[in-house]
Amino acid sequence: MNKEYSRKAVTTGVSFGSALAMVISYTAWHSIPWAIFHGILSWVYVLYYAISY
């Protein structure tokens, strides 16, 4: 596997995870500060939300 391809996939995954976490957070809590915080947590919050709800 090419290193550049791997790096691009990781960057895209992190960006998508952050965006997804922020959308889920804003939809659930209607708070921009919480959405930013959950965006920083990224996939951790997405997995938490999927397991909890």
PDB file of N, CA and C in Angstrom:
ATOM      1  N   MET A   1       0.850  -1.175   0.000  1.00  0.00           N
ATOM      2  CA  MET A   1       0.000   0.000   0.000  1.00  0.00           C
ATOM      3  C   MET A   1       0.896   1.238   0.000  1.00  0.00           C
ATOM      4  N   ASN A   2       0.535   2.205  -0.758  1.00  0.00           N
ATOM      5  CA  ASN A   2       1.279   3.440  -0.898  1.00  0.00           C
ATOM      6  C   ASN A   2       1.111   4.316   0.349  1.00  0.00           C
ATOM      7  N   LYS A   3       2.209   4.906   0.840  1.00  0.00           N
ATOM      8  CA  LYS A   3       2.143   5.747   2.036  1.00  0.00           C
ATOM      9  C   LYS A   3       1.270   6.977   1.816  1.00  0.00           C
ATOM     10  N   GLU A   4       1.353   7.567   0.634  1.00  0.00           N
ATOM     11  CA  GLU A   4       0.551   8.756   0.338  1.00  0.00           C
ATOM     12  C   GLU A   4      -0.940   8.416   0.367  1.00  0.00           C
ATOM     13  N   TYR A   5      -1.313   7.267  -0.180  1.00  0.00           N
ATOM     14  CA  TYR A   5      -2.702   6.820  -0.171  1.00  0.00           C
ATOM     15  C   TYR A   5      -3.181   6.609   1.263  1.00  0.00           C
ATOM     16  N   SER A   6      -2.345   5.993   2.082  1.00  0.00           N
ATOM     17  CA  SER A   6      -2.697   5.753   3.480  1.00  0.00           C
ATOM     18  C   SER A   6      -2.884   7.061   4.225  1.00  0.00           C
ATOM     19  N   ARG A   7      -1.983   8.003   4.019  1.00  0.00           N
ATOM     20  CA  ARG A   7      -2.061   9.296   4.693  1.00  0.00           C
ATOM     21  C   ARG A   7      -3.332  10.034   4.287  1.00  0.00           C
ATOM     22  N   LYS A   8      -3.684   9.972   3.009  1.00  0.00           N
ATOM     23  CA  LYS A   8      -4.889  10.644   2.513  1.00  0.00           C
ATOM     24  C   LYS A   8      -6.148  10.002   3.106  1.00  0.00           C
ATOM     25  N   ALA A   9      -6.160   8.681   3.212  1.00  0.00           N
ATOM     26  CA  ALA A   9      -7.307   7.969   3.777  1.00  0.00           C
ATOM     27  C   ALA A   9      -7.491   8.316   5.250  1.00  0.00           C
ATOM     28  N   VAL A  10      -6.409   8.397   5.985  1.00  0.00           N
ATOM     29  CA  VAL A  10      -6.493   8.748   7.401  1.00  0.00           C
ATOM     30  C   VAL A  10      -6.992  10.172   7.572  1.00  0.00           C
ATOM     31  N   THR A  11      -6.478  11.097   6.782  1.00  0.00           N
ATOM     32  CA  THR A  11      -6.908  12.487   6.860  1.00  0.00           C
ATOM     33  C   THR A  11      -8.393  12.617   6.527  1.00  0.00           C
ATOM     34  N   THR A  12      -8.831  11.931   5.502  1.00  0.00           N
ATOM     35  CA  THR A  12     -10.243  11.971   5.117  1.00  0.00           C
ATOM     36  C   THR A  12     -11.113  11.359   6.207  1.00  0.00           C
ATOM     37  N   GLY A  13     -10.680  10.253   6.784  1.00  0.00           N
ATOM     38  CA  GLY A  13     -11.435   9.601   7.858  1.00  0.00           C
ATOM     39  C   GLY A  13     -11.566  10.476   9.078  1.00  0.00           C
ATOM     40  N   VAL A  14     -10.510  11.185   9.432  1.00  0.00           N
ATOM     41  CA  VAL A  14     -10.550  12.084  10.573  1.00  0.00           C
ATOM     42  C   VAL A  14     -11.494  13.248  10.285  1.00  0.00           C
ATOM     43  N   SER A  15     -11.423  13.803   9.100  1.00  0.00           N
ATOM     44  CA  SER A  15     -12.299  14.919   8.735  1.00  0.00           C
ATOM     45  C   SER A  15     -13.761  14.494   8.733  1.00  0.00           C
ATOM     46  N   PHE A  16     -14.046  13.344   8.158  1.00  0.00           N
ATOM     47  CA  PHE A  16     -15.418  12.852   8.109  1.00  0.00           C
ATOM     48  C   PHE A  16     -15.928  12.545   9.507  1.00  0.00           C
ATOM     49  N   GLY A  17     -15.078  11.936  10.329  1.00  0.00           N
ATOM     50  CA  GLY A  17     -15.466  11.624  11.706  1.00  0.00           C
ATOM     51  C   GLY A  17     -15.783  12.873  12.506  1.00  0.00           C
ATOM     52  N   SER A  18     -14.983  13.907  12.334  1.00  0.00           N
ATOM     53  CA  SER A  18     -15.224  15.174  13.038  1.00  0.00           C
ATOM     54  C   SER A  18     -16.532  15.802  12.581  1.00  0.00           C
ATOM     55  N   ALA A  19     -16.748  15.844  11.283  1.00  0.00           N
ATOM     56  CA  ALA A  19     -17.978  16.433  10.748  1.00  0.00           C
ATOM     57  C   ALA A  19     -19.205  15.655  11.214  1.00  0.00           C
ATOM     58  N   LEU A  20     -19.122  14.349  11.180  1.00  0.00           N
ATOM     59  CA  LEU A  20     -20.235  13.512  11.619  1.00  0.00           C
ATOM     60  C   LEU A  20     -20.527  13.721  13.094  1.00  0.00           C
ATOM     61  N   ALA A  21     -19.489  13.768  13.908  1.00  0.00           N
ATOM     62  CA  ALA A  21     -19.669  13.991  15.346  1.00  0.00           C
ATOM     63  C   ALA A  21     -20.318  15.345  15.621  1.00  0.00           C
ATOM     64  N   MET A  22     -19.890  16.375  14.887  1.00  0.00           N
ATOM     65  CA  MET A  22     -20.466  17.708  15.100  1.00  0.00           C
ATOM     66  C   MET A  22     -21.935  17.763  14.697  1.00  0.00           C
ATOM     67  N   VAL A  23     -22.282  17.109  13.606  1.00  0.00           N
ATOM     68  CA  VAL A  23     -23.684  17.096  13.163  1.00  0.00           C
ATOM     69  C   VAL A  23     -24.554  16.345  14.157  1.00  0.00           C
ATOM     70  N   ILE A  24     -24.099  15.185  14.597  1.00  0.00           N
ATOM     71  CA  ILE A  24     -24.865  14.406  15.586  1.00  0.00           C
ATOM     72  C   ILE A  24     -25.026  15.213  16.870  1.00  0.00           C
ATOM     73  N   SER A  25     -23.936  15.821  17.326  1.00  0.00           N
ATOM     74  CA  SER A  25     -23.968  16.589  18.563  1.00  0.00           C
ATOM     75  C   SER A  25     -24.916  17.775  18.455  1.00  0.00           C
ATOM     76  N   TYR A  26     -24.828  18.531  17.367  1.00  0.00           N
ATOM     77  CA  TYR A  26     -25.701  19.703  17.228  1.00  0.00           C
ATOM     78  C   TYR A  26     -27.166  19.284  17.131  1.00  0.00           C
ATOM     79  N   THR A  27     -27.423  18.184  16.453  1.00  0.00           N
ATOM     80  CA  THR A  27     -28.794  17.688  16.332  1.00  0.00           C
ATOM     81  C   THR A  27     -29.346  17.270  17.695  1.00  0.00           C
ATOM     82  N   ALA A  28     -28.503  16.633  18.496  1.00  0.00           N
ATOM     83  CA  ALA A  28     -28.957  16.144  19.800  1.00  0.00           C
ATOM     84  C   ALA A  28     -29.028  17.252  20.850  1.00  0.00           C
ATOM     85  N   TRP A  29     -28.041  18.139  20.896  1.00  0.00           N
ATOM     86  CA  TRP A  29     -27.930  19.112  21.988  1.00  0.00           C
ATOM     87  C   TRP A  29     -28.252  20.553  21.588  1.00  0.00           C
ATOM     88  N   HIS A  30     -28.300  20.873  20.298  1.00  0.00           N
ATOM     89  CA  HIS A  30     -28.568  22.240  19.817  1.00  0.00           C
ATOM     90  C   HIS A  30     -27.621  23.255  20.439  1.00  0.00           C
ATOM     91  N   SER A  31     -26.337  22.894  20.516  1.00  0.00           N
ATOM     92  CA  SER A  31     -25.332  23.751  21.129  1.00  0.00           C
ATOM     93  C   SER A  31     -24.059  23.725  20.287  1.00  0.00           C
ATOM     94  N   ILE A  32     -23.626  24.900  19.842  1.00  0.00           N
ATOM     95  CA  ILE A  32     -22.406  24.982  19.040  1.00  0.00           C
ATOM     96  C   ILE A  32     -21.166  24.622  19.856  1.00  0.00           C
ATOM     97  N   PRO A  33     -21.027  25.103  21.110  1.00  0.00           N
ATOM     98  CA  PRO A  33     -19.837  24.701  21.885  1.00  0.00           C
ATOM     99  C   PRO A  33     -19.729  23.184  22.078  1.00  0.00           C
ATOM    100  N   TRP A  34     -20.861  22.519  22.337  1.00  0.00           N
ATOM    101  CA  TRP A  34     -20.818  21.056  22.469  1.00  0.00           C
ATOM    102  C   TRP A  34     -20.470  20.404  21.138  1.00  0.00           C
ATOM    103  N   ALA A  35     -20.972  20.951  20.049  1.00  0.00           N
ATOM    104  CA  ALA A  35     -20.663  20.404  18.730  1.00  0.00           C
ATOM    105  C   ALA A  35     -19.164  20.507  18.444  1.00  0.00           C
ATOM    106  N   ILE A  36     -18.557  21.630  18.800  1.00  0.00           N
ATOM    107  CA  ILE A  36     -17.108  21.783  18.605  1.00  0.00           C
ATOM    108  C   ILE A  36     -16.347  20.784  19.464  1.00  0.00           C
ATOM    109  N   PHE A  37     -16.747  20.666  20.727  1.00  0.00           N
ATOM    110  CA  PHE A  37     -16.090  19.719  21.639  1.00  0.00           C
ATOM    111  C   PHE A  37     -16.198  18.287  21.112  1.00  0.00           C
ATOM    112  N   HIS A  38     -17.385  17.898  20.674  1.00  0.00           N
ATOM    113  CA  HIS A  38     -17.571  16.545  20.153  1.00  0.00           C
ATOM    114  C   HIS A  38     -16.853  16.356  18.823  1.00  0.00           C
ATOM    115  N   GLY A  39     -16.704  17.433  18.042  1.00  0.00           N
ATOM    116  CA  GLY A  39     -15.918  17.363  16.814  1.00  0.00           C
ATOM    117  C   GLY A  39     -14.461  17.071  17.105  1.00  0.00           C
ATOM    118  N   ILE A  40     -13.943  17.628  18.203  1.00  0.00           N
ATOM    119  CA  ILE A  40     -12.565  17.341  18.610  1.00  0.00           C
ATOM    120  C   ILE A  40     -12.428  15.874  19.009  1.00  0.00           C
ATOM    121  N   LEU A  41     -13.434  15.343  19.682  1.00  0.00           N
ATOM    122  CA  LEU A  41     -13.403  13.926  20.076  1.00  0.00           C
ATOM    123  C   LEU A  41     -13.588  13.002  18.874  1.00  0.00           C
ATOM    124  N   SER A  42     -14.227  13.497  17.835  1.00  0.00           N
ATOM    125  CA  SER A  42     -14.384  12.811  16.567  1.00  0.00           C
ATOM    126  C   SER A  42     -15.065  11.452  16.689  1.00  0.00           C
ATOM    127  N   TRP A  43     -14.403  10.390  16.261  1.00  0.00           N
ATOM    128  CA  TRP A  43     -14.997   9.058  16.208  1.00  0.00           C
ATOM    129  C   TRP A  43     -15.368   8.513  17.581  1.00  0.00           C
ATOM    130  N   VAL A  44     -14.715   8.995  18.627  1.00  0.00           N
ATOM    131  CA  VAL A  44     -15.054   8.538  19.982  1.00  0.00           C
ATOM    132  C   VAL A  44     -16.513   8.881  20.282  1.00  0.00           C
ATOM    133  N   TYR A  45     -16.919  10.112  19.960  1.00  0.00           N
ATOM    134  CA  TYR A  45     -18.298  10.517  20.202  1.00  0.00           C
ATOM    135  C   TYR A  45     -19.264   9.779  19.279  1.00  0.00           C
ATOM    136  N   VAL A  46     -18.891   9.566  18.052  1.00  0.00           N
ATOM    137  CA  VAL A  46     -19.751   8.844  17.110  1.00  0.00           C
ATOM    138  C   VAL A  46     -20.021   7.429  17.625  1.00  0.00           C
ATOM    139  N   LEU A  47     -18.979   6.743  18.067  1.00  0.00           N
ATOM    140  CA  LEU A  47     -19.155   5.394  18.613  1.00  0.00           C
ATOM    141  C   LEU A  47     -19.982   5.404  19.896  1.00  0.00           C
ATOM    142  N   TYR A  48     -19.730   6.378  20.761  1.00  0.00           N
ATOM    143  CA  TYR A  48     -20.518   6.512  22.000  1.00  0.00           C
ATOM    144  C   TYR A  48     -22.005   6.696  21.671  1.00  0.00           C
ATOM    145  N   TYR A  49     -22.298   7.586  20.736  1.00  0.00           N
ATOM    146  CA  TYR A  49     -23.688   7.860  20.363  1.00  0.00           C
ATOM    147  C   TYR A  49     -24.340   6.614  19.759  1.00  0.00           C
ATOM    148  N   ALA A  50     -23.596   5.898  18.922  1.00  0.00           N
ATOM    149  CA  ALA A  50     -24.143   4.700  18.286  1.00  0.00           C
ATOM    150  C   ALA A  50     -24.445   3.607  19.317  1.00  0.00           C
ATOM    151  N   ILE A  51     -23.621   3.489  20.308  1.00  0.00           N
ATOM    152  CA  ILE A  51     -23.826   2.463  21.340  1.00  0.00           C
ATOM    153  C   ILE A  51     -24.936   2.868  22.302  1.00  0.00           C
ATOM    154  N   SER A  52     -24.992   4.156  22.651  1.00  0.00           N
ATOM    155  CA  SER A  52     -25.942   4.633  23.655  1.00  0.00           C
ATOM    156  C   SER A  52     -27.358   4.769  23.126  1.00  0.00           C
ATOM    157  N   TYR A  53     -27.514   5.153  21.850  1.00  0.00           N
ATOM    158  CA  TYR A  53     -28.862   5.427  21.342  1.00  0.00           C
ATOM    159  C   TYR A  53     -29.197   4.515  20.246  1.00  0.00           C
TER     160      TYR A  53
END
